Amino acid sequence: MGVTSKKVTGTDETTTFDHGRVEVVHVGDFTMRKNTFEPGWRWSEHVRPLAKTETCQVHHVGYLLSGRLGVRTTDGEEAEIGPGEAYEILPDHDGWVIGDEAVNSIEFSGS
C-alpha cells in the first residue's frame, strides 16, 4: 500500500527522566518523537546515566516548536537552535535548555 496513516490518540511509548520526556509514535517505517525538555535539562546530566554513553549517540532530525536548545559536539562546534528552526544534529554531542522556557520539538527517523 502506498499510504500509511495513523490516528494519534496517545503514544506508542513514553520515556521520562528528570526535567524531560520523550513521546514516541510509530507510523509505517518511521518514528516520530515529541521531546519536552524543561528548564535546567542537560543531556549529560539527565540522560547520560540512562544511555550509558559519554555523549548522545542519536542522529536527530527535527523541528523546534518552542524554547531554545544549545548543542555542543565533541569536536567543539556549538550551536543554538530556536523556535521555527529545522535541525539536524549528528551523534557525539551534548544538549541543554537555554533560558527559562521549555524546549518542545518534533523529531523524525527512519527504521
PDB file of N, CA and C in Angstrom:
ATOM      1  N   MET A   1       0.841  -1.182   0.000  1.00  0.00           N
ATOM      2  CA  MET A   1       0.000   0.000   0.000  1.00  0.00           C
ATOM      3  C   MET A   1       0.881   1.238   0.000  1.00  0.00           C
ATOM      4  N   GLY A   2       0.509   2.261  -0.733  1.00  0.00           N
ATOM      5  CA  GLY A   2       1.316   3.470  -0.869  1.00  0.00           C
ATOM      6  C   GLY A   2       1.046   4.547   0.155  1.00  0.00           C
ATOM      7  N   VAL A   3       0.051   4.362   1.009  1.00  0.00           N
ATOM      8  CA  VAL A   3      -0.273   5.372   2.019  1.00  0.00           C
ATOM      9  C   VAL A   3      -0.436   4.684   3.368  1.00  0.00           C
ATOM     10  N   THR A   4       0.218   5.235   4.371  1.00  0.00           N
ATOM     11  CA  THR A   4       0.045   4.754   5.732  1.00  0.00           C
ATOM     12  C   THR A   4      -0.371   5.929   6.582  1.00  0.00           C
ATOM     13  N   SER A   5      -1.438   5.764   7.333  1.00  0.00           N
ATOM     14  CA  SER A   5      -1.840   6.823   8.258  1.00  0.00           C
ATOM     15  C   SER A   5      -2.190   6.184   9.587  1.00  0.00           C
ATOM     16  N   LYS A   6      -2.183   7.014  10.615  1.00  0.00           N
ATOM     17  CA  LYS A   6      -2.457   6.514  11.953  1.00  0.00           C
ATOM     18  C   LYS A   6      -3.057   7.645  12.762  1.00  0.00           C
ATOM     19  N   LYS A   7      -4.204   7.415  13.337  1.00  0.00           N
ATOM     20  CA  LYS A   7      -4.802   8.403  14.232  1.00  0.00           C
ATOM     21  C   LYS A   7      -4.003   8.373  15.534  1.00  0.00           C
ATOM     22  N   VAL A   8      -3.489   9.523  15.922  1.00  0.00           N
ATOM     23  CA  VAL A   8      -2.660   9.600  17.123  1.00  0.00           C
ATOM     24  C   VAL A   8      -3.545  10.015  18.297  1.00  0.00           C
ATOM     25  N   THR A   9      -3.886   9.045  19.114  1.00  0.00           N
ATOM     26  CA  THR A   9      -4.695   9.314  20.300  1.00  0.00           C
ATOM     27  C   THR A   9      -3.868   9.164  21.571  1.00  0.00           C
ATOM     28  N   GLY A  10      -2.649   8.758  21.414  1.00  0.00           N
ATOM     29  CA  GLY A  10      -1.719   8.567  22.524  1.00  0.00           C
ATOM     30  C   GLY A  10      -0.362   8.255  21.931  1.00  0.00           C
ATOM     31  N   THR A  11       0.528   7.760  22.730  1.00  0.00           N
ATOM     32  CA  THR A  11       1.860   7.424  22.238  1.00  0.00           C
ATOM     33  C   THR A  11       2.051   5.909  22.277  1.00  0.00           C
ATOM     34  N   ASP A  12       2.975   5.429  21.443  1.00  0.00           N
ATOM     35  CA  ASP A  12       3.328   4.012  21.462  1.00  0.00           C
ATOM     36  C   ASP A  12       4.275   3.711  22.611  1.00  0.00           C
ATOM     37  N   GLU A  13       5.071   4.677  22.989  1.00  0.00           N
ATOM     38  CA  GLU A  13       5.974   4.542  24.136  1.00  0.00           C
ATOM     39  C   GLU A  13       6.323   5.938  24.652  1.00  0.00           C
ATOM     40  N   THR A  14       6.583   6.023  25.937  1.00  0.00           N
ATOM     41  CA  THR A  14       6.982   7.288  26.556  1.00  0.00           C
ATOM     42  C   THR A  14       8.135   7.011  27.499  1.00  0.00           C
ATOM     43  N   THR A  15       9.177   7.824  27.397  1.00  0.00           N
ATOM     44  CA  THR A  15      10.300   7.741  28.313  1.00  0.00           C
ATOM     45  C   THR A  15      10.370   9.047  29.087  1.00  0.00           C
ATOM     46  N   THR A  16      10.404   8.958  30.404  1.00  0.00           N
ATOM     47  CA  THR A  16      10.533  10.149  31.231  1.00  0.00           C
ATOM     48  C   THR A  16      11.834  10.082  32.013  1.00  0.00           C
ATOM     49  N   PHE A  17      12.381  11.240  32.285  1.00  0.00           N
ATOM     50  CA  PHE A  17      13.598  11.361  33.079  1.00  0.00           C
ATOM     51  C   PHE A  17      13.556  12.739  33.720  1.00  0.00           C
ATOM     52  N   ASP A  18      14.455  13.006  34.624  1.00  0.00           N
ATOM     53  CA  ASP A  18      14.466  14.278  35.335  1.00  0.00           C
ATOM     54  C   ASP A  18      14.503  15.431  34.333  1.00  0.00           C
ATOM     55  N   HIS A  19      13.561  16.323  34.395  1.00  0.00           N
ATOM     56  CA  HIS A  19      13.442  17.511  33.543  1.00  0.00           C
ATOM     57  C   HIS A  19      13.051  17.200  32.099  1.00  0.00           C
ATOM     58  N   GLY A  20      12.573  15.978  31.788  1.00  0.00           N
ATOM     59  CA  GLY A  20      12.241  15.732  30.390  1.00  0.00           C
ATOM     60  C   GLY A  20      11.368  14.524  30.139  1.00  0.00           C
ATOM     61  N   ARG A  21      10.880  14.486  28.895  1.00  0.00           N
ATOM     62  CA  ARG A  21      10.011  13.399  28.448  1.00  0.00           C
ATOM     63  C   ARG A  21      10.147  13.267  26.928  1.00  0.00           C
ATOM     64  N   VAL A  22      10.147  12.037  26.442  1.00  0.00           N
ATOM     65  CA  VAL A  22      10.140  11.751  25.009  1.00  0.00           C
ATOM     66  C   VAL A  22       8.952  10.837  24.733  1.00  0.00           C
ATOM     67  N   GLU A  23       8.052  11.292  23.856  1.00  0.00           N
ATOM     68  CA  GLU A  23       6.871  10.526  23.476  1.00  0.00           C
ATOM     69  C   GLU A  23       7.059  10.045  22.045  1.00  0.00           C
ATOM     70  N   VAL A  24       6.843   8.741  21.809  1.00  0.00           N
ATOM     71  CA  VAL A  24       7.157   8.115  20.531  1.00  0.00           C
ATOM     72  C   VAL A  24       5.893   7.577  19.871  1.00  0.00           C
ATOM     73  N   VAL A  25       5.779   7.825  18.557  1.00  0.00           N
ATOM     74  CA  VAL A  25       4.708   7.265  17.738  1.00  0.00           C
ATOM     75  C   VAL A  25       5.356   6.640  16.507  1.00  0.00           C
ATOM     76  N   HIS A  26       4.986   5.394  16.201  1.00  0.00           N
ATOM     77  CA  HIS A  26       5.493   4.702  15.017  1.00  0.00           C
ATOM     78  C   HIS A  26       4.435   4.779  13.920  1.00  0.00           C
ATOM     79  N   VAL A  27       4.865   5.168  12.718  1.00  0.00           N
ATOM     80  CA  VAL A  27       3.974   5.233  11.559  1.00  0.00           C
ATOM     81  C   VAL A  27       4.698   4.557  10.403  1.00  0.00           C
ATOM     82  N   GLY A  28       4.199   3.406   9.973  1.00  0.00           N
ATOM     83  CA  GLY A  28       4.876   2.666   8.911  1.00  0.00           C
ATOM     84  C   GLY A  28       6.307   2.369   9.326  1.00  0.00           C
ATOM     85  N   ASP A  29       7.263   2.748   8.464  1.00  0.00           N
ATOM     86  CA  ASP A  29       8.677   2.512   8.732  1.00  0.00           C
ATOM     87  C   ASP A  29       9.351   3.681   9.445  1.00  0.00           C
ATOM     88  N   PHE A  30       8.582   4.656   9.900  1.00  0.00           N
ATOM     89  CA  PHE A  30       9.156   5.844  10.520  1.00  0.00           C
ATOM     90  C   PHE A  30       8.750   5.976  11.978  1.00  0.00           C
ATOM     91  N   THR A  31       9.569   6.714  12.703  1.00  0.00           N
ATOM     92  CA  THR A  31       9.311   7.022  14.102  1.00  0.00           C
ATOM     93  C   THR A  31       9.275   8.530  14.258  1.00  0.00           C
ATOM     94  N   MET A  32       8.276   9.009  14.979  1.00  0.00           N
ATOM     95  CA  MET A  32       8.188  10.429  15.316  1.00  0.00           C
ATOM     96  C   MET A  32       8.315  10.530  16.834  1.00  0.00           C
ATOM     97  N   ARG A  33       9.081  11.530  17.273  1.00  0.00           N
ATOM     98  CA  ARG A  33       9.254  11.745  18.703  1.00  0.00           C
ATOM     99  C   ARG A  33       8.880  13.189  19.041  1.00  0.00           C
ATOM    100  N   LYS A  34       8.110  13.359  20.100  1.00  0.00           N
ATOM    101  CA  LYS A  34       7.853  14.691  20.650  1.00  0.00           C
ATOM    102  C   LYS A  34       8.689  14.797  21.910  1.00  0.00           C
ATOM    103  N   ASN A  35       9.643  15.712  21.883  1.00  0.00           N
ATOM    104  CA  ASN A  35      10.547  15.913  23.010  1.00  0.00           C
ATOM    105  C   ASN A  35      10.081  17.108  23.827  1.00  0.00           C
ATOM    106  N   THR A  36      10.096  16.963  25.133  1.00  0.00           N
ATOM    107  CA  THR A  36       9.828  18.069  26.040  1.00  0.00           C
ATOM    108  C   THR A  36      10.955  18.093  27.051  1.00  0.00           C
ATOM    109  N   PHE A  37      11.724  19.177  27.051  1.00  0.00           N
ATOM    110  CA  PHE A  37      12.834  19.346  27.977  1.00  0.00           C
ATOM    111  C   PHE A  37      12.588  20.618  28.785  1.00  0.00           C
ATOM    112  N   GLU A  38      12.518  20.479  30.091  1.00  0.00           N
ATOM    113  CA  GLU A  38      12.217  21.596  30.978  1.00  0.00           C
ATOM    114  C   GLU A  38      13.477  22.415  31.255  1.00  0.00           C
ATOM    115  N   PRO A  39      13.297  23.673  31.673  1.00  0.00           N
ATOM    116  CA  PRO A  39      14.462  24.485  32.056  1.00  0.00           C
ATOM    117  C   PRO A  39      15.330  23.724  33.059  1.00  0.00           C
ATOM    118  N   GLY A  40      16.633  23.796  32.870  1.00  0.00           N
ATOM    119  CA  GLY A  40      17.578  23.076  33.714  1.00  0.00           C
ATOM    120  C   GLY A  40      17.997  21.734  33.144  1.00  0.00           C
ATOM    121  N   TRP A  41      17.299  21.253  32.091  1.00  0.00           N
ATOM    122  CA  TRP A  41      17.658  19.962  31.497  1.00  0.00           C
ATOM    123  C   TRP A  41      18.974  20.059  30.741  1.00  0.00           C
ATOM    124  N   ARG A  42      19.785  19.035  30.903  1.00  0.00           N
ATOM    125  CA  ARG A  42      21.030  18.897  30.145  1.00  0.00           C
ATOM    126  C   ARG A  42      21.240  17.408  29.897  1.00  0.00           C
ATOM    127  N   TRP A  43      21.501  17.046  28.632  1.00  0.00           N
ATOM    128  CA  TRP A  43      21.660  15.631  28.282  1.00  0.00           C
ATOM    129  C   TRP A  43      22.704  14.964  29.163  1.00  0.00           C
ATOM    130  N   SER A  44      23.875  15.590  29.315  1.00  0.00           N
ATOM    131  CA  SER A  44      24.976  14.959  30.047  1.00  0.00           C
ATOM    132  C   SER A  44      24.653  14.740  31.528  1.00  0.00           C
ATOM    133  N   GLU A  45      23.706  15.479  32.077  1.00  0.00           N
ATOM    134  CA  GLU A  45      23.330  15.298  33.477  1.00  0.00           C
ATOM    135  C   GLU A  45      22.119  14.387  33.647  1.00  0.00           C
ATOM    136  N   HIS A  46      21.140  14.487  32.752  1.00  0.00           N
ATOM    137  CA  HIS A  46      19.861  13.830  32.977  1.00  0.00           C
ATOM    138  C   HIS A  46      19.623  12.583  32.118  1.00  0.00           C
ATOM    139  N   VAL A  47      20.338  12.432  31.020  1.00  0.00           N
ATOM    140  CA  VAL A  47      20.116  11.276  30.145  1.00  0.00           C
ATOM    141  C   VAL A  47      21.342  10.362  30.098  1.00  0.00           C
ATOM    142  N   ARG A  48      22.537  10.920  30.210  1.00  0.00           N
ATOM    143  CA  ARG A  48      23.747  10.091  30.137  1.00  0.00           C
ATOM    144  C   ARG A  48      23.698   8.888  31.072  1.00  0.00           C
ATOM    145  N   PRO A  49      23.223   9.023  32.328  1.00  0.00           N
ATOM    146  CA  PRO A  49      23.170   7.831  33.185  1.00  0.00           C
ATOM    147  C   PRO A  49      22.258   6.733  32.634  1.00  0.00           C
ATOM    148  N   LEU A  50      21.224   7.107  31.889  1.00  0.00           N
ATOM    149  CA  LEU A  50      20.327   6.118  31.280  1.00  0.00           C
ATOM    150  C   LEU A  50      20.927   5.539  30.006  1.00  0.00           C
ATOM    151  N   ALA A  51      21.561   6.394  29.206  1.00  0.00           N
ATOM    152  CA  ALA A  51      22.124   5.972  27.916  1.00  0.00           C
ATOM    153  C   ALA A  51      23.408   5.180  28.084  1.00  0.00           C
ATOM    154  N   LYS A  52      24.140   5.469  29.162  1.00  0.00           N
ATOM    155  CA  LYS A  52      25.414   4.805  29.439  1.00  0.00           C
ATOM    156  C   LYS A  52      26.443   5.031  28.328  1.00  0.00           C
ATOM    157  N   THR A  53      26.408   6.223  27.727  1.00  0.00           N
ATOM    158  CA  THR A  53      27.413   6.638  26.750  1.00  0.00           C
ATOM    159  C   THR A  53      27.935   8.001  27.179  1.00  0.00           C
ATOM    160  N   GLU A  54      29.120   8.344  26.755  1.00  0.00           N
ATOM    161  CA  GLU A  54      29.725   9.617  27.150  1.00  0.00           C
ATOM    162  C   GLU A  54      28.985  10.805  26.548  1.00  0.00           C
ATOM    163  N   THR A  55      28.533  10.658  25.294  1.00  0.00           N
ATOM    164  CA  THR A  55      27.788  11.714  24.610  1.00  0.00           C
ATOM    165  C   THR A  55      26.534  11.097  23.985  1.00  0.00           C
ATOM    166  N   CYS A  56      25.610  11.939  23.542  1.00  0.00           N
ATOM    167  CA  CYS A  56      24.413  11.445  22.869  1.00  0.00           C
ATOM    168  C   CYS A  56      24.818  10.848  21.523  1.00  0.00           C
ATOM    169  N   GLN A  57      24.374   9.624  21.270  1.00  0.00           N
ATOM    170  CA  GLN A  57      24.735   8.901  20.050  1.00  0.00           C
ATOM    171  C   GLN A  57      23.598   8.856  19.035  1.00  0.00           C
ATOM    172  N   VAL A  58      22.555   9.676  19.249  1.00  0.00           N
ATOM    173  CA  VAL A  58      21.404   9.698  18.349  1.00  0.00           C
ATOM    174  C   VAL A  58      21.602  10.740  17.257  1.00  0.00           C
ATOM    175  N   HIS A  59      21.218  10.396  16.043  1.00  0.00           N
ATOM    176  CA  HIS A  59      21.206  11.326  14.915  1.00  0.00           C
ATOM    177  C   HIS A  59      19.823  11.968  14.904  1.00  0.00           C
ATOM    178  N   HIS A  60      19.750  13.249  15.214  1.00  0.00           N
ATOM    179  CA  HIS A  60      18.468  13.943  15.345  1.00  0.00           C
ATOM    180  C   HIS A  60      18.149  14.742  14.084  1.00  0.00           C
ATOM    181  N   VAL A  61      16.917  14.644  13.615  1.00  0.00           N
ATOM    182  CA  VAL A  61      16.390  15.487  12.545  1.00  0.00           C
ATOM    183  C   VAL A  61      15.023  15.940  13.020  1.00  0.00           C
ATOM    184  N   GLY A  62      14.838  17.249  13.139  1.00  0.00           N
ATOM    185  CA  GLY A  62      13.571  17.700  13.698  1.00  0.00           C
ATOM    186  C   GLY A  62      13.254  19.153  13.460  1.00  0.00           C
ATOM    187  N   TYR A  63      12.260  19.602  14.212  1.00  0.00           N
ATOM    188  CA  TYR A  63      11.738  20.964  14.122  1.00  0.00           C
ATOM    189  C   TYR A  63      11.475  21.448  15.541  1.00  0.00           C
ATOM    190  N   LEU A  64      12.032  22.599  15.902  1.00  0.00           N
ATOM    191  CA  LEU A  64      11.866  23.142  17.247  1.00  0.00           C
ATOM    192  C   LEU A  64      10.604  23.995  17.297  1.00  0.00           C
ATOM    193  N   LEU A  65       9.681  23.615  18.175  1.00  0.00           N
ATOM    194  CA  LEU A  65       8.414  24.323  18.318  1.00  0.00           C
ATOM    195  C   LEU A  65       8.523  25.503  19.272  1.00  0.00           C
ATOM    196  N   SER A  66       9.240  25.325  20.385  1.00  0.00           N
ATOM    197  CA  SER A  66       9.371  26.394  21.375  1.00  0.00           C
ATOM    198  C   SER A  66      10.633  26.191  22.201  1.00  0.00           C
ATOM    199  N   GLY A  67      11.059  27.266  22.846  1.00  0.00           N
ATOM    200  CA  GLY A  67      12.260  27.223  23.672  1.00  0.00           C
ATOM    201  C   GLY A  67      13.520  27.402  22.842  1.00  0.00           C
ATOM    202  N   ARG A  68      14.658  27.299  23.531  1.00  0.00           N
ATOM    203  CA  ARG A  68      15.956  27.417  22.867  1.00  0.00           C
ATOM    204  C   ARG A  68      16.825  26.257  23.320  1.00  0.00           C
ATOM    205  N   LEU A  69      17.460  25.594  22.348  1.00  0.00           N
ATOM    206  CA  LEU A  69      18.279  24.412  22.606  1.00  0.00           C
ATOM    207  C   LEU A  69      19.729  24.711  22.267  1.00  0.00           C
ATOM    208  N   GLY A  70      20.619  24.469  23.227  1.00  0.00           N
ATOM    209  CA  GLY A  70      22.051  24.570  22.979  1.00  0.00           C
ATOM    210  C   GLY A  70      22.614  23.201  22.678  1.00  0.00           C
ATOM    211  N   VAL A  71      23.579  23.140  21.756  1.00  0.00           N
ATOM    212  CA  VAL A  71      24.207  21.875  21.369  1.00  0.00           C
ATOM    213  C   VAL A  71      25.706  22.105  21.236  1.00  0.00           C
ATOM    214  N   ARG A  72      26.501  21.147  21.740  1.00  0.00           N
ATOM    215  CA  ARG A  72      27.957  21.186  21.558  1.00  0.00           C
ATOM    216  C   ARG A  72      28.414  19.799  21.135  1.00  0.00           C
ATOM    217  N   THR A  73      29.150  19.737  20.025  1.00  0.00           N
ATOM    218  CA  THR A  73      29.685  18.466  19.540  1.00  0.00           C
ATOM    219  C   THR A  73      31.010  18.179  20.215  1.00  0.00           C
ATOM    220  N   THR A  74      31.463  16.933  20.130  1.00  0.00           N
ATOM    221  CA  THR A  74      32.730  16.576  20.763  1.00  0.00           C
ATOM    222  C   THR A  74      33.917  17.266  20.103  1.00  0.00           C
ATOM    223  N   ASP A  75      33.756  17.735  18.858  1.00  0.00           N
ATOM    224  CA  ASP A  75      34.862  18.469  18.220  1.00  0.00           C
ATOM    225  C   ASP A  75      34.801  19.972  18.509  1.00  0.00           C
ATOM    226  N   GLY A  76      33.886  20.384  19.414  1.00  0.00           N
ATOM    227  CA  GLY A  76      33.858  21.770  19.867  1.00  0.00           C
ATOM    228  C   GLY A  76      32.879  22.691  19.155  1.00  0.00           C
ATOM    229  N   GLU A  77      32.188  22.204  18.131  1.00  0.00           N
ATOM    230  CA  GLU A  77      31.208  23.049  17.446  1.00  0.00           C
ATOM    231  C   GLU A  77      30.032  23.290  18.380  1.00  0.00           C
ATOM    232  N   GLU A  78      29.589  24.535  18.471  1.00  0.00           N
ATOM    233  CA  GLU A  78      28.468  24.873  19.343  1.00  0.00           C
ATOM    234  C   GLU A  78      27.416  25.623  18.540  1.00  0.00           C
ATOM    235  N   ALA A  79      26.139  25.318  18.818  1.00  0.00           N
ATOM    236  CA  ALA A  79      25.043  25.963  18.100  1.00  0.00           C
ATOM    237  C   ALA A  79      23.894  26.212  19.057  1.00  0.00           C
ATOM    238  N   GLU A  80      23.052  27.184  18.697  1.00  0.00           N
ATOM    239  CA  GLU A  80      21.821  27.461  19.422  1.00  0.00           C
ATOM    240  C   GLU A  80      20.682  27.362  18.421  1.00  0.00           C
ATOM    241  N   ILE A  81      19.668  26.574  18.771  1.00  0.00           N
ATOM    242  CA  ILE A  81      18.523  26.343  17.889  1.00  0.00           C
ATOM    243  C   ILE A  81      17.303  26.972  18.545  1.00  0.00           C
ATOM    244  N   GLY A  82      16.530  27.726  17.748  1.00  0.00           N
ATOM    245  CA  GLY A  82      15.368  28.420  18.286  1.00  0.00           C
ATOM    246  C   GLY A  82      14.075  28.007  17.619  1.00  0.00           C
ATOM    247  N   PRO A  83      12.960  28.539  18.120  1.00  0.00           N
ATOM    248  CA  PRO A  83      11.641  28.190  17.593  1.00  0.00           C
ATOM    249  C   PRO A  83      11.539  28.442  16.092  1.00  0.00           C
ATOM    250  N   GLY A  84      10.883  27.521  15.395  1.00  0.00           N
ATOM    251  CA  GLY A  84      10.695  27.663  13.961  1.00  0.00           C
ATOM    252  C   GLY A  84      11.861  27.171  13.139  1.00  0.00           C
ATOM    253  N   GLU A  85      12.892  26.625  13.778  1.00  0.00           N
ATOM    254  CA  GLU A  85      14.066  26.141  13.040  1.00  0.00           C
ATOM    255  C   GLU A  85      14.013  24.623  12.888  1.00  0.00           C
ATOM    256  N   ALA A  86      14.297  24.162  11.676  1.00  0.00           N
ATOM    257  CA  ALA A  86      14.524  22.745  11.425  1.00  0.00           C
ATOM    258  C   ALA A  86      15.995  22.483  11.719  1.00  0.00           C
ATOM    259  N   TYR A  87      16.320  21.266  12.144  1.00  0.00           N
ATOM    260  CA  TYR A  87      17.702  20.988  12.517  1.00  0.00           C
ATOM    261  C   TYR A  87      18.088  19.543  12.227  1.00  0.00           C
ATOM    262  N   GLU A  88      19.380  19.364  12.081  1.00  0.00           N
ATOM    263  CA  GLU A  88      20.000  18.039  12.038  1.00  0.00           C
ATOM    264  C   GLU A  88      21.183  18.097  12.994  1.00  0.00           C
ATOM    265  N   ILE A  89      21.248  17.147  13.915  1.00  0.00           N
ATOM    266  CA  ILE A  89      22.348  17.069  14.873  1.00  0.00           C
ATOM    267  C   ILE A  89      22.929  15.665  14.767  1.00  0.00           C
ATOM    268  N   LEU A  90      24.201  15.570  14.424  1.00  0.00           N
ATOM    269  CA  LEU A  90      24.856  14.278  14.283  1.00  0.00           C
ATOM    270  C   LEU A  90      25.223  13.703  15.644  1.00  0.00           C
ATOM    271  N   PRO A  91      25.459  12.387  15.731  1.00  0.00           N
ATOM    272  CA  PRO A  91      25.856  11.772  17.008  1.00  0.00           C
ATOM    273  C   PRO A  91      27.118  12.421  17.580  1.00  0.00           C
ATOM    274  N   ASP A  92      27.366  12.170  18.852  1.00  0.00           N
ATOM    275  CA  ASP A  92      28.517  12.692  19.609  1.00  0.00           C
ATOM    276  C   ASP A  92      28.316  14.152  19.990  1.00  0.00           C
ATOM    277  N   HIS A  93      27.290  14.418  20.776  1.00  0.00           N
ATOM    278  CA  HIS A  93      27.018  15.791  21.208  1.00  0.00           C
ATOM    279  C   HIS A  93      26.396  15.795  22.601  1.00  0.00           C
ATOM    280  N   ASP A  94      26.356  16.971  23.184  1.00  0.00           N
ATOM    281  CA  ASP A  94      25.617  17.247  24.409  1.00  0.00           C
ATOM    282  C   ASP A  94      24.579  18.295  24.044  1.00  0.00           C
ATOM    283  N   GLY A  95      23.486  18.350  24.779  1.00  0.00           N
ATOM    284  CA  GLY A  95      22.454  19.344  24.524  1.00  0.00           C
ATOM    285  C   GLY A  95      21.881  19.840  25.832  1.00  0.00           C
ATOM    286  N   TRP A  96      21.321  21.069  25.828  1.00  0.00           N
ATOM    287  CA  TRP A  96      20.762  21.656  27.042  1.00  0.00           C
ATOM    288  C   TRP A  96      19.737  22.721  26.698  1.00  0.00           C
ATOM    289  N   VAL A  97      18.861  22.982  27.660  1.00  0.00           N
ATOM    290  CA  VAL A  97      17.866  24.042  27.520  1.00  0.00           C
ATOM    291  C   VAL A  97      18.525  25.363  27.881  1.00  0.00           C
ATOM    292  N   ILE A  98      18.314  26.356  27.021  1.00  0.00           N
ATOM    293  CA  ILE A  98      18.799  27.713  27.282  1.00  0.00           C
ATOM    294  C   ILE A  98      17.622  28.537  27.795  1.00  0.00           C
ATOM    295  N   GLY A  99      17.772  29.167  28.937  1.00  0.00           N
ATOM    296  CA  GLY A  99      16.745  30.062  29.457  1.00  0.00           C
ATOM    297  C   GLY A  99      15.683  29.364  30.280  1.00  0.00           C
ATOM    298  N   ASP A 100      14.560  30.075  30.461  1.00  0.00           N
ATOM    299  CA  ASP A 100      13.501  29.638  31.367  1.00  0.00           C
ATOM    300  C   ASP A 100      12.283  29.047  30.672  1.00  0.00           C
ATOM    301  N   GLU A 101      12.351  28.818  29.356  1.00  0.00           N
ATOM    302  CA  GLU A 101      11.229  28.246  28.622  1.00  0.00           C
ATOM    303  C   GLU A 101      11.568  26.817  28.219  1.00  0.00           C
ATOM    304  N   ALA A 102      10.594  25.917  28.364  1.00  0.00           N
ATOM    305  CA  ALA A 102      10.796  24.520  27.977  1.00  0.00           C
ATOM    306  C   ALA A 102      11.056  24.407  26.475  1.00  0.00           C
ATOM    307  N   VAL A 103      11.867  23.449  26.094  1.00  0.00           N
ATOM    308  CA  VAL A 103      12.100  23.119  24.691  1.00  0.00           C
ATOM    309  C   VAL A 103      11.090  22.042  24.303  1.00  0.00           C
ATOM    310  N   ASN A 104      10.359  22.303  23.231  1.00  0.00           N
ATOM    311  CA  ASN A 104       9.429  21.329  22.651  1.00  0.00           C
ATOM    312  C   ASN A 104       9.809  21.152  21.193  1.00  0.00           C
ATOM    313  N   SER A 105      10.022  19.905  20.785  1.00  0.00           N
ATOM    314  CA  SER A 105      10.404  19.659  19.398  1.00  0.00           C
ATOM    315  C   SER A 105       9.761  18.372  18.908  1.00  0.00           C
ATOM    316  N   ILE A 106       9.703  18.254  17.593  1.00  0.00           N
ATOM    317  CA  ILE A 106       9.247  17.045  16.921  1.00  0.00           C
ATOM    318  C   ILE A 106      10.431  16.530  16.107  1.00  0.00           C
ATOM    319  N   GLU A 107      10.728  15.234  16.250  1.00  0.00           N
ATOM    320  CA  GLU A 107      11.840  14.636  15.500  1.00  0.00           C
ATOM    321  C   GLU A 107      11.342  13.438  14.711  1.00  0.00           C
ATOM    322  N   PHE A 108      12.064  13.146  13.628  1.00  0.00           N
ATOM    323  CA  PHE A 108      11.682  12.083  12.700  1.00  0.00           C
ATOM    324  C   PHE A 108      12.880  11.172  12.463  1.00  0.00           C
ATOM    325  N   SER A 109      12.640   9.870  12.319  1.00  0.00           N
ATOM    326  CA  SER A 109      13.711   8.963  11.934  1.00  0.00           C
ATOM    327  C   SER A 109      13.125   7.771  11.203  1.00  0.00           C
ATOM    328  N   GLY A 110      13.915   7.225  10.283  1.00  0.00           N
ATOM    329  CA  GLY A 110      13.520   6.016   9.571  1.00  0.00           C
ATOM    330  C   GLY A 110      13.823   4.797  10.399  1.00  0.00           C
ATOM    331  N   SER A 111      13.314   3.659   9.974  1.00  0.00           N
ATOM    332  CA  SER A 111      13.546   2.433  10.747  1.00  0.00           C
ATOM    333  C   SER A 111      14.901   1.853  10.415  1.00  0.00           C
TER     334      SER A 111
END
